[in-house]
Amino acid sequence: MTGRRHLVPALLAVAWMVAACSPQSPVASGAPGADLRAEIVRTADHDPNAFTQGLEIDGTELLEGTGRPGESWVQATDLDSGTVRVRAELPSPLFGEGITVSGDTIWQLTWRDGVAVVRDRATLAEQRRVPFDGEGWGICAMPGALVTSDGSPTLTFRDPVTFEPRRTVQAVQDGNPVSRLNELECADDGAIYANVWTTDTLVRIDPSDGRVSAEIDASAVRDALPPGPRDVDVLNGIAQIPGTDRFLVTGKYWPAMFEVRFVP
């Protein structure tokens, strides 16, 4: 592991160069059903007051959403300068959850408030609220669909405009349902990566049938955490660095963010 860097752009510089040279880089190695681990490539600072719920790279920006009433916000950070370009607060008592980008829209889930907040991608200004049933945990965007989790083994595929559910799959590993699916990342390889809440485990899920094709041990990132000003919470937050085999991962109130690759 290299030394810590202050800004995300420094952390990502090499990865962007790799992406430019390798337009079809694989996302993760390992055969179906493989056990993988998170190998740390680089480390960067992360806001220790961010109760991270959603993480995503879109174009030249890193987007992050947080949770807890009075602490929930969405912000866009420029990858070149590391500067926060814009930030939008979610008014209390709403409890923010996962975020994702779909076209010129950002979707922000709430936990038990029964609404998804639709924001303008450029300004983060709230445009409307869409009601939905159940709890909101994680969300990611695939071509033609939004995928949401609710803490159960169920992934719900929704219309990207109306948010209406179209179909569901159950995450299953070796015949057993995988519950507590939290933050989601729809990756370039067509798979869905998910944090498993309260654990240092990620799973790679086939969106066609819910089959877990890999379990990823990410305990190395927790072991590498530096001291912070407050007690850290669980691992949560995963964002693929587009066009590469690398991801950013962090956690709730973590003082660091890690660039990792998933290896056997």
Protein backbone atom coordinates (compact mmCIF):
# COMPACT_ATOMS: atom_id res chain seq x y z
CA MET A 1 0.00 0.00 0.00
CA THR A 2 1.30 3.43 -0.85
CA GLY A 3 1.18 6.45 1.44
CA ARG A 4 -1.96 8.52 1.90
CA ARG A 5 -2.83 11.26 -0.56
CA HIS A 6 -4.87 14.29 0.36
CA LEU A 7 -7.00 14.47 -2.77
CA VAL A 8 -9.00 11.93 -4.73
CA PRO A 9 -7.50 13.18 -8.05
CA ALA A 10 -4.04 12.09 -6.96
CA LEU A 11 -5.44 8.72 -5.99
CA LEU A 12 -7.11 8.27 -9.35
CA ALA A 13 -4.48 9.64 -11.71
CA VAL A 14 -2.87 6.32 -12.57
CA ALA A 15 -6.24 4.61 -12.91
CA TRP A 16 -7.46 7.16 -15.45
CA MET A 17 -4.29 6.58 -17.50
CA VAL A 18 -4.92 2.84 -17.42
CA ALA A 19 -8.51 3.40 -18.51
CA ALA A 20 -7.40 5.50 -21.46
CA CYS A 21 -5.08 2.75 -22.66
CA SER A 22 -7.40 -0.19 -21.93
CA PRO A 23 -10.91 0.49 -23.20
CA GLN A 24 -12.11 -3.03 -22.33
CA SER A 25 -10.34 -3.60 -19.02
CA PRO A 26 -11.93 -6.37 -16.93
CA VAL A 27 -13.66 -5.28 -13.76
CA ALA A 28 -12.74 -8.18 -11.52
CA SER A 29 -10.76 -11.36 -12.00
CA GLY A 30 -11.68 -14.76 -10.69
CA ALA A 31 -13.94 -17.56 -11.90
CA PRO A 32 -17.67 -17.60 -11.16
CA GLY A 33 -18.20 -18.48 -7.51
CA ALA A 34 -14.67 -17.38 -6.69
CA ASP A 35 -13.64 -15.98 -3.35
CA LEU A 36 -11.90 -12.64 -3.85
CA ARG A 37 -10.27 -10.08 -1.61
CA ALA A 38 -9.79 -6.34 -1.80
CA GLU A 39 -6.20 -5.43 -2.58
CA ILE A 40 -5.39 -1.84 -1.62
CA VAL A 41 -3.77 0.21 -4.38
CA ARG A 42 -3.88 3.70 -2.86
CA THR A 43 -5.38 5.57 0.07
CA ALA A 44 -6.92 9.05 0.25
CA ASP A 45 -8.48 11.21 2.95
CA HIS A 46 -12.24 11.02 3.45
CA ASP A 47 -14.53 13.30 5.44
CA PRO A 48 -14.80 11.58 8.86
CA ASN A 49 -18.15 13.31 9.44
CA ALA A 50 -19.71 11.70 6.34
CA PHE A 51 -22.13 8.89 7.19
CA THR A 52 -21.62 7.48 3.71
CA GLN A 53 -24.59 5.85 2.03
CA GLY A 54 -23.85 6.20 -1.68
CA LEU A 55 -20.71 6.67 -3.76
CA GLU A 56 -20.41 7.02 -7.53
CA ILE A 57 -18.02 8.39 -10.15
CA ASP A 58 -19.72 10.20 -13.01
CA GLY A 59 -17.57 11.82 -15.67
CA THR A 60 -15.04 14.03 -13.91
CA GLU A 61 -16.81 14.06 -10.55
CA LEU A 62 -17.07 11.92 -7.46
CA LEU A 63 -20.61 11.95 -6.06
CA GLU A 64 -21.35 11.06 -2.46
CA GLY A 65 -24.55 10.86 -0.44
CA THR A 66 -24.84 10.56 3.34
CA GLY A 67 -27.44 9.64 5.93
CA ARG A 68 -28.96 10.37 9.33
CA PRO A 69 -31.42 13.19 10.01
CA GLY A 70 -29.67 16.55 9.93
CA GLU A 71 -26.51 14.95 8.49
CA SER A 72 -27.84 13.90 5.08
CA TRP A 73 -26.45 15.58 1.99
CA VAL A 74 -25.30 14.98 -1.57
CA GLN A 75 -22.16 16.55 -3.00
CA ALA A 76 -20.17 16.57 -6.23
CA THR A 77 -16.38 16.77 -5.99
CA ASP A 78 -14.22 17.64 -8.99
CA LEU A 79 -11.71 14.85 -9.67
CA ASP A 80 -9.12 17.20 -11.17
CA SER A 81 -8.97 19.71 -8.32
CA GLY A 82 -10.50 17.81 -5.40
CA THR A 83 -12.80 20.78 -4.84
CA VAL A 84 -16.39 20.31 -3.76
CA ARG A 85 -18.27 21.94 -6.63
CA VAL A 86 -21.75 21.80 -5.17
CA ARG A 87 -23.50 20.34 -2.15
CA ALA A 88 -27.19 19.96 -1.32
CA GLU A 89 -28.60 19.23 2.13
CA LEU A 90 -31.51 16.85 2.66
CA PRO A 91 -33.81 18.56 5.17
CA SER A 92 -34.43 16.88 8.51
CA PRO A 93 -36.09 14.57 9.46
CA LEU A 94 -35.37 12.82 6.13
CA PHE A 95 -32.70 10.11 6.36
CA GLY A 96 -30.64 9.89 3.17
CA GLU A 97 -29.60 6.58 1.66
CA GLY A 98 -28.06 5.49 -1.67
CA ILE A 99 -27.58 7.72 -4.71
CA THR A 100 -27.05 7.14 -8.41
CA VAL A 101 -26.90 9.05 -11.70
CA SER A 102 -29.33 8.32 -14.51
CA GLY A 103 -28.96 10.65 -17.48
CA ASP A 104 -29.21 14.24 -16.27
CA THR A 105 -30.79 13.15 -12.98
CA ILE A 106 -29.51 12.08 -9.58
CA TRP A 107 -31.74 9.77 -7.58
CA GLN A 108 -31.39 9.86 -3.80
CA LEU A 109 -33.18 7.29 -1.67
CA THR A 110 -34.47 7.84 1.82
CA TRP A 111 -34.49 5.08 4.41
CA ARG A 112 -37.97 4.88 5.96
CA ASP A 113 -39.47 8.13 4.68
CA GLY A 114 -41.11 6.50 1.66
CA VAL A 115 -39.74 8.89 -0.96
CA ALA A 116 -36.95 9.05 -3.50
CA VAL A 117 -35.61 12.54 -4.17
CA VAL A 118 -34.94 13.42 -7.81
CA ARG A 119 -32.20 16.02 -8.28
CA ASP A 120 -30.76 17.95 -11.19
CA ARG A 121 -27.40 16.38 -12.05
CA ALA A 122 -25.64 19.71 -12.57
CA THR A 123 -26.95 21.76 -9.65
CA LEU A 124 -28.15 18.99 -7.27
CA ALA A 125 -31.32 21.03 -6.84
CA GLU A 126 -34.35 18.99 -5.81
CA GLN A 127 -36.82 18.60 -8.69
CA ARG A 128 -39.45 16.26 -7.27
CA ARG A 129 -40.11 13.47 -4.80
CA VAL A 130 -41.38 10.07 -5.87
CA PRO A 131 -43.16 7.84 -3.33
CA PHE A 132 -42.25 4.16 -3.04
CA ASP A 133 -43.14 1.31 -0.72
CA GLY A 134 -40.74 -0.22 1.78
CA GLU A 135 -37.29 0.86 2.87
CA GLY A 136 -34.60 2.44 0.70
CA TRP A 137 -31.01 1.26 1.08
CA GLY A 138 -28.88 1.15 -2.08
CA ILE A 139 -29.42 2.20 -5.68
CA CYS A 140 -27.50 1.99 -8.95
CA ALA A 141 -28.30 2.56 -12.62
CA MET A 142 -28.11 0.02 -15.44
CA PRO A 143 -29.06 0.67 -19.06
CA GLY A 144 -32.82 1.16 -18.99
CA ALA A 145 -33.30 0.46 -15.28
CA LEU A 146 -32.65 1.59 -11.74
CA VAL A 147 -31.79 -1.17 -9.25
CA THR A 148 -32.62 -0.77 -5.56
CA SER A 149 -32.01 -2.74 -2.37
CA ASP A 150 -34.02 -2.67 0.85
CA GLY A 151 -31.88 -4.66 3.30
CA SER A 152 -33.34 -8.00 2.21
CA PRO A 153 -32.04 -10.41 -0.47
CA THR A 154 -34.36 -8.70 -2.99
CA LEU A 155 -33.09 -6.43 -5.75
CA THR A 156 -35.84 -4.44 -7.45
CA PHE A 157 -35.46 -3.24 -11.04
CA ARG A 158 -37.38 0.01 -11.60
CA ASP A 159 -38.39 2.27 -14.45
CA PRO A 160 -35.72 5.02 -14.64
CA VAL A 161 -38.35 7.75 -15.07
CA THR A 162 -41.37 6.70 -13.02
CA PHE A 163 -39.53 4.57 -10.43
CA GLU A 164 -42.22 1.92 -10.77
CA PRO A 165 -40.97 -1.64 -10.07
CA ARG A 166 -40.66 -3.88 -13.14
CA ARG A 167 -39.16 -7.07 -11.77
CA THR A 168 -37.19 -8.48 -8.84
CA VAL A 169 -34.46 -11.04 -8.27
CA GLN A 170 -33.30 -12.69 -5.07
CA ALA A 171 -29.57 -12.68 -4.30
CA VAL A 172 -28.61 -16.31 -3.71
CA GLN A 173 -25.24 -17.86 -2.88
CA ASP A 174 -24.88 -21.64 -3.00
CA GLY A 175 -28.65 -21.96 -2.71
CA ASN A 176 -28.91 -19.62 0.29
CA PRO A 177 -30.41 -16.10 0.20
CA VAL A 178 -28.00 -13.23 0.90
CA SER A 179 -29.69 -10.60 3.05
CA ARG A 180 -28.70 -7.11 4.24
CA LEU A 181 -27.77 -5.93 0.74
CA ASN A 182 -26.94 -2.25 1.12
CA GLU A 183 -25.00 0.15 -1.15
CA LEU A 184 -25.00 -0.97 -4.80
CA GLU A 185 -22.73 -0.40 -7.78
CA CYS A 186 -23.77 -1.34 -11.32
CA ALA A 187 -20.39 -2.04 -12.91
CA ASP A 188 -19.03 -2.11 -16.44
CA ASP A 189 -18.97 -5.91 -16.49
CA GLY A 190 -22.77 -6.01 -16.17
CA ALA A 191 -22.67 -7.26 -12.58
CA ILE A 192 -24.05 -5.57 -9.48
CA TYR A 193 -21.66 -5.18 -6.54
CA ALA A 194 -23.21 -4.82 -3.09
CA ASN A 195 -22.06 -4.09 0.43
CA VAL A 196 -23.42 -6.60 2.94
CA TRP A 197 -24.46 -4.45 5.88
CA THR A 198 -22.52 -4.77 9.19
CA THR A 199 -19.83 -6.88 7.51
CA ASP A 200 -16.58 -6.26 5.64
CA THR A 201 -17.94 -8.35 2.77
CA LEU A 202 -18.98 -7.38 -0.74
CA VAL A 203 -20.79 -9.63 -3.17
CA ARG A 204 -20.91 -9.66 -6.96
CA ILE A 205 -24.41 -10.44 -8.25
CA ASP A 206 -25.66 -11.53 -11.66
CA PRO A 207 -28.62 -9.20 -12.38
CA SER A 208 -30.33 -11.77 -14.60
CA ASP A 209 -31.01 -14.30 -11.87
CA GLY A 210 -29.53 -12.96 -8.59
CA ARG A 211 -26.76 -15.53 -8.43
CA VAL A 212 -23.78 -14.41 -6.34
CA SER A 213 -20.78 -15.03 -8.56
CA ALA A 214 -18.14 -13.85 -6.07
CA GLU A 215 -17.78 -13.01 -2.41
CA ILE A 216 -15.18 -10.34 -1.69
CA ASP A 217 -13.36 -10.03 1.62
CA ALA A 218 -12.70 -6.32 2.20
CA SER A 219 -11.42 -6.59 5.76
CA ALA A 220 -8.01 -5.30 4.62
CA VAL A 221 -9.42 -1.81 4.18
CA ARG A 222 -10.75 -1.71 7.74
CA ASP A 223 -7.42 -3.00 9.01
CA ALA A 224 -5.69 -0.14 7.16
CA LEU A 225 -7.88 2.62 8.59
CA PRO A 226 -5.91 5.43 10.25
CA PRO A 227 -7.11 7.01 13.49
CA GLY A 228 -9.98 9.46 13.10
CA PRO A 229 -11.80 12.03 15.23
CA ARG A 230 -14.83 9.81 15.86
CA ASP A 231 -15.78 6.17 16.08
CA VAL A 232 -16.07 4.58 12.66
CA ASP A 233 -19.16 2.68 11.57
CA VAL A 234 -19.55 -0.03 8.93
CA LEU A 235 -17.98 -0.41 5.50
CA ASN A 236 -20.32 1.26 3.01
CA GLY A 237 -19.72 2.96 -0.32
CA ILE A 238 -18.44 1.42 -3.54
CA ALA A 239 -17.76 3.16 -6.86
CA GLN A 240 -16.08 1.68 -9.90
CA ILE A 241 -13.37 3.74 -11.55
CA PRO A 242 -14.79 3.59 -15.10
CA GLY A 243 -12.92 1.47 -17.61
CA THR A 244 -10.61 -0.11 -15.03
CA ASP A 245 -10.54 -3.09 -12.68
CA ARG A 246 -10.47 -0.74 -9.68
CA PHE A 247 -13.03 0.58 -7.23
CA LEU A 248 -13.21 3.20 -4.50
CA VAL A 249 -14.52 1.95 -1.17
CA THR A 250 -15.07 3.70 2.14
CA GLY A 251 -17.35 3.57 5.16
CA LYS A 252 -19.56 5.55 7.49
CA TYR A 253 -17.48 8.13 9.40
CA TRP A 254 -14.30 6.68 7.91
CA PRO A 255 -11.34 9.08 7.73
CA ALA A 256 -10.00 7.32 4.62
CA MET A 257 -11.12 6.15 1.21
CA PHE A 258 -9.37 3.30 -0.57
CA GLU A 259 -8.70 2.50 -4.20
CA VAL A 260 -8.80 -1.27 -4.48
CA ARG A 261 -8.85 -4.09 -6.97
CA PHE A 262 -10.59 -7.41 -6.36
CA VAL A 263 -8.13 -10.31 -6.67
CA PRO A 264 -8.17 -14.07 -5.90
